[in-house]
């Protein structure tokens, strides 16, 4: 167990950050699944905007890697454009 006040505070803050990151990551994954299940182009393109900002935010906070974020956005964009065709 930690002996210093700062170490105790660090344990508390790390746990809070871990839970926040986990929630945001899970929310983004659920939104991605929802997008992949859509058939309507307009609805999918609207959802793509919000998902890409969610993914960018996760990459900026190092929850996911920046290349993973880029690959996700690319594949989802390709999916939405394939709906239009």
N, C-alpha and C. Protein backbone atom coordinates (compact mmCIF):
# COMPACT_ATOMS: atom_id res chain seq x y z
N UNK A 1 0.85 -1.19 0.00
CA UNK A 1 0.00 0.00 0.00
C UNK A 1 0.89 1.24 0.00
N UNK A 2 0.40 2.31 -0.61
CA UNK A 2 1.17 3.55 -0.71
C UNK A 2 1.27 4.23 0.66
N UNK A 3 2.40 4.86 0.88
CA UNK A 3 2.65 5.51 2.17
C UNK A 3 2.57 7.02 2.10
N UNK A 4 2.77 7.59 0.93
CA UNK A 4 2.79 9.04 0.79
C UNK A 4 1.43 9.55 0.34
N UNK A 5 1.14 10.79 0.77
CA UNK A 5 -0.13 11.40 0.38
C UNK A 5 -0.25 11.52 -1.14
N UNK A 6 0.85 11.91 -1.76
CA UNK A 6 0.81 12.09 -3.22
C UNK A 6 0.58 10.76 -3.94
N UNK A 7 1.13 9.67 -3.39
CA UNK A 7 0.93 8.37 -4.00
C UNK A 7 -0.52 7.92 -3.85
N UNK A 8 -1.12 8.21 -2.71
CA UNK A 8 -2.53 7.88 -2.50
C UNK A 8 -3.41 8.66 -3.47
N UNK A 9 -3.08 9.94 -3.65
CA UNK A 9 -3.86 10.77 -4.58
C UNK A 9 -3.68 10.26 -6.01
N UNK A 10 -2.46 9.85 -6.36
CA UNK A 10 -2.19 9.33 -7.69
C UNK A 10 -3.01 8.06 -7.95
N UNK A 11 -3.15 7.21 -6.95
CA UNK A 11 -3.95 5.99 -7.09
C UNK A 11 -5.41 6.35 -7.36
N UNK A 12 -5.92 7.33 -6.61
CA UNK A 12 -7.32 7.75 -6.81
C UNK A 12 -7.52 8.36 -8.19
N UNK A 13 -6.60 9.25 -8.59
CA UNK A 13 -6.78 9.91 -9.89
C UNK A 13 -6.60 8.93 -11.05
N UNK A 14 -5.67 7.98 -10.91
CA UNK A 14 -5.49 6.98 -11.97
C UNK A 14 -6.74 6.14 -12.15
N UNK A 15 -7.37 5.78 -11.05
CA UNK A 15 -8.60 4.97 -11.14
C UNK A 15 -9.72 5.76 -11.81
N UNK A 16 -9.84 7.05 -11.46
CA UNK A 16 -10.88 7.88 -12.08
C UNK A 16 -10.63 8.03 -13.58
N UNK A 17 -9.37 8.25 -13.95
CA UNK A 17 -9.04 8.39 -15.37
C UNK A 17 -9.26 7.08 -16.12
N UNK A 18 -8.92 5.95 -15.48
CA UNK A 18 -9.10 4.65 -16.12
C UNK A 18 -10.58 4.39 -16.42
N UNK A 19 -11.44 4.71 -15.45
CA UNK A 19 -12.87 4.51 -15.65
C UNK A 19 -13.42 5.42 -16.74
N UNK A 20 -12.95 6.67 -16.76
CA UNK A 20 -13.41 7.62 -17.78
C UNK A 20 -12.97 7.15 -19.16
N UNK A 21 -11.70 6.73 -19.30
CA UNK A 21 -11.20 6.25 -20.58
C UNK A 21 -11.95 5.02 -21.05
N UNK A 22 -12.23 4.12 -20.11
CA UNK A 22 -12.94 2.88 -20.44
C UNK A 22 -14.35 3.19 -20.93
N UNK A 23 -15.02 4.12 -20.26
CA UNK A 23 -16.38 4.51 -20.67
C UNK A 23 -16.38 5.11 -22.07
N UNK A 24 -15.44 6.04 -22.32
CA UNK A 24 -15.40 6.70 -23.62
C UNK A 24 -15.03 5.72 -24.73
N UNK A 25 -14.11 4.80 -24.45
CA UNK A 25 -13.71 3.81 -25.45
C UNK A 25 -14.87 2.87 -25.77
N UNK A 26 -15.58 2.43 -24.76
CA UNK A 26 -16.72 1.53 -24.95
C UNK A 26 -17.84 2.23 -25.71
N UNK A 27 -18.08 3.50 -25.41
CA UNK A 27 -19.11 4.27 -26.10
C UNK A 27 -18.77 4.40 -27.58
N UNK A 28 -17.51 4.65 -27.89
CA UNK A 28 -17.09 4.77 -29.28
C UNK A 28 -17.25 3.44 -30.01
N UNK A 29 -16.88 2.34 -29.37
CA UNK A 29 -17.01 1.03 -30.01
C UNK A 29 -18.47 0.70 -30.29
N UNK A 30 -19.36 1.04 -29.36
CA UNK A 30 -20.79 0.79 -29.56
C UNK A 30 -21.31 1.62 -30.72
N UNK A 31 -20.88 2.87 -30.82
CA UNK A 31 -21.31 3.74 -31.92
C UNK A 31 -20.81 3.20 -33.26
N UNK A 32 -19.60 2.65 -33.27
CA UNK A 32 -19.04 2.09 -34.51
C UNK A 32 -19.87 0.88 -34.94
N UNK A 33 -20.24 0.04 -33.99
CA UNK A 33 -21.09 -1.12 -34.31
C UNK A 33 -22.44 -0.66 -34.87
N UNK A 34 -22.98 0.39 -34.28
CA UNK A 34 -24.26 0.92 -34.74
C UNK A 34 -24.13 1.45 -36.17
N UNK A 35 -23.04 2.14 -36.46
CA UNK A 35 -22.81 2.67 -37.80
C UNK A 35 -22.70 1.54 -38.82
N UNK A 36 -21.98 0.49 -38.47
CA UNK A 36 -21.80 -0.62 -39.42
C UNK A 36 -23.09 -1.39 -39.68
N UNK A 37 -24.07 -1.24 -38.80
CA UNK A 37 -25.33 -1.94 -39.00
C UNK A 37 -26.33 -1.11 -39.81
N UNK A 38 -26.03 0.17 -40.04
CA UNK A 38 -26.96 1.05 -40.75
C UNK A 38 -26.98 0.75 -42.24
N UNK A 39 -28.13 1.04 -42.86
CA UNK A 39 -28.29 0.89 -44.31
C UNK A 39 -28.58 2.22 -44.99
N UNK A 40 -29.01 3.21 -44.21
CA UNK A 40 -29.36 4.52 -44.76
C UNK A 40 -28.11 5.40 -44.87
N UNK A 41 -27.91 6.00 -46.04
CA UNK A 41 -26.69 6.77 -46.30
C UNK A 41 -26.64 8.06 -45.49
N UNK A 42 -27.75 8.78 -45.46
CA UNK A 42 -27.75 10.08 -44.78
C UNK A 42 -27.54 9.91 -43.28
N UNK A 43 -28.21 8.93 -42.70
CA UNK A 43 -28.07 8.67 -41.28
C UNK A 43 -26.64 8.22 -40.96
N UNK A 44 -26.08 7.39 -41.84
CA UNK A 44 -24.72 6.89 -41.63
C UNK A 44 -23.69 8.02 -41.73
N UNK A 45 -23.89 8.93 -42.68
CA UNK A 45 -22.93 10.03 -42.83
C UNK A 45 -22.98 10.99 -41.65
N UNK A 46 -24.18 11.19 -41.09
CA UNK A 46 -24.30 12.03 -39.89
C UNK A 46 -23.60 11.38 -38.70
N UNK A 47 -23.80 10.09 -38.54
CA UNK A 47 -23.18 9.36 -37.44
C UNK A 47 -21.67 9.29 -37.61
N UNK A 48 -21.21 9.24 -38.86
CA UNK A 48 -19.77 9.18 -39.14
C UNK A 48 -19.06 10.42 -38.60
N UNK A 49 -19.70 11.58 -38.71
CA UNK A 49 -19.09 12.83 -38.22
C UNK A 49 -18.85 12.75 -36.72
N UNK A 50 -19.87 12.29 -35.98
CA UNK A 50 -19.71 12.22 -34.53
C UNK A 50 -18.70 11.14 -34.12
N UNK A 51 -18.72 10.02 -34.84
CA UNK A 51 -17.78 8.94 -34.51
C UNK A 51 -16.35 9.36 -34.79
N UNK A 52 -16.12 10.05 -35.89
CA UNK A 52 -14.74 10.45 -36.19
C UNK A 52 -14.22 11.45 -35.16
N UNK A 53 -15.08 12.30 -34.64
CA UNK A 53 -14.62 13.21 -33.58
C UNK A 53 -14.37 12.44 -32.28
N UNK A 54 -15.19 11.43 -31.99
CA UNK A 54 -14.97 10.59 -30.81
C UNK A 54 -13.63 9.86 -30.91
N UNK A 55 -13.36 9.30 -32.08
CA UNK A 55 -12.13 8.55 -32.29
C UNK A 55 -10.92 9.47 -32.22
N UNK A 56 -11.04 10.67 -32.79
CA UNK A 56 -9.94 11.64 -32.71
C UNK A 56 -9.65 12.01 -31.26
N UNK A 57 -10.69 12.19 -30.48
CA UNK A 57 -10.51 12.54 -29.07
C UNK A 57 -9.82 11.42 -28.31
N UNK A 58 -10.19 10.16 -28.60
CA UNK A 58 -9.55 9.02 -27.96
C UNK A 58 -8.07 8.94 -28.34
N UNK A 59 -7.76 9.23 -29.58
CA UNK A 59 -6.36 9.19 -30.01
C UNK A 59 -5.57 10.33 -29.38
N UNK A 60 -6.20 11.49 -29.26
CA UNK A 60 -5.52 12.64 -28.67
C UNK A 60 -5.18 12.40 -27.21
N UNK A 61 -6.04 11.64 -26.52
CA UNK A 61 -5.81 11.34 -25.10
C UNK A 61 -5.05 10.04 -24.90
N UNK A 62 -4.53 9.46 -25.98
CA UNK A 62 -3.74 8.22 -25.95
C UNK A 62 -4.52 7.04 -25.39
N UNK A 63 -5.82 7.03 -25.56
CA UNK A 63 -6.61 5.85 -25.19
C UNK A 63 -6.44 4.80 -26.28
N UNK A 64 -6.44 5.26 -27.54
CA UNK A 64 -6.11 4.38 -28.66
C UNK A 64 -4.96 5.03 -29.44
N UNK A 65 -4.27 4.23 -30.22
CA UNK A 65 -3.14 4.73 -31.00
C UNK A 65 -3.64 5.59 -32.15
N UNK A 66 -2.85 6.58 -32.54
CA UNK A 66 -3.27 7.49 -33.62
C UNK A 66 -3.44 6.76 -34.94
N UNK A 67 -2.63 5.73 -35.20
CA UNK A 67 -2.77 4.97 -36.45
C UNK A 67 -4.05 4.14 -36.43
N UNK A 68 -4.41 3.60 -35.27
CA UNK A 68 -5.67 2.86 -35.16
C UNK A 68 -6.84 3.79 -35.43
N UNK A 69 -6.77 5.00 -34.89
CA UNK A 69 -7.83 5.97 -35.13
C UNK A 69 -7.95 6.29 -36.62
N UNK A 70 -6.82 6.46 -37.26
CA UNK A 70 -6.80 6.76 -38.68
C UNK A 70 -7.37 5.60 -39.49
N UNK A 71 -6.97 4.37 -39.15
CA UNK A 71 -7.49 3.20 -39.86
C UNK A 71 -8.99 3.03 -39.66
N UNK A 72 -9.46 3.28 -38.44
CA UNK A 72 -10.90 3.19 -38.16
C UNK A 72 -11.68 4.20 -38.99
N UNK A 73 -11.22 5.44 -38.99
CA UNK A 73 -11.92 6.49 -39.73
C UNK A 73 -11.93 6.18 -41.22
N UNK A 74 -10.82 5.67 -41.73
CA UNK A 74 -10.72 5.33 -43.14
C UNK A 74 -11.70 4.22 -43.51
N UNK A 75 -11.70 3.15 -42.71
CA UNK A 75 -12.58 2.02 -43.04
C UNK A 75 -14.05 2.40 -42.91
N UNK A 76 -14.38 3.22 -41.93
CA UNK A 76 -15.77 3.65 -41.77
C UNK A 76 -16.20 4.58 -42.90
N UNK A 77 -15.29 5.44 -43.35
CA UNK A 77 -15.61 6.31 -44.47
C UNK A 77 -15.84 5.50 -45.75
N UNK A 78 -15.00 4.50 -45.95
CA UNK A 78 -15.19 3.61 -47.11
C UNK A 78 -16.53 2.89 -47.02
N UNK A 79 -16.91 2.48 -45.81
CA UNK A 79 -18.19 1.80 -45.65
C UNK A 79 -19.35 2.73 -46.00
N UNK A 80 -19.30 3.97 -45.52
CA UNK A 80 -20.39 4.91 -45.78
C UNK A 80 -20.48 5.25 -47.27
N UNK A 81 -19.33 5.39 -47.92
CA UNK A 81 -19.38 5.68 -49.36
C UNK A 81 -19.87 4.48 -50.16
N UNK A 82 -19.63 3.26 -49.65
CA UNK A 82 -20.13 2.08 -50.36
C UNK A 82 -21.65 1.96 -50.22
N UNK A 83 -22.21 2.55 -49.18
CA UNK A 83 -23.67 2.56 -49.04
C UNK A 83 -24.32 3.41 -50.12
N UNK A 84 -23.63 4.49 -50.48
CA UNK A 84 -24.18 5.40 -51.48
C UNK A 84 -24.19 4.77 -52.87
N UNK A 85 -23.26 3.90 -53.14
CA UNK A 85 -23.16 3.30 -54.48
C UNK A 85 -24.19 2.23 -54.71
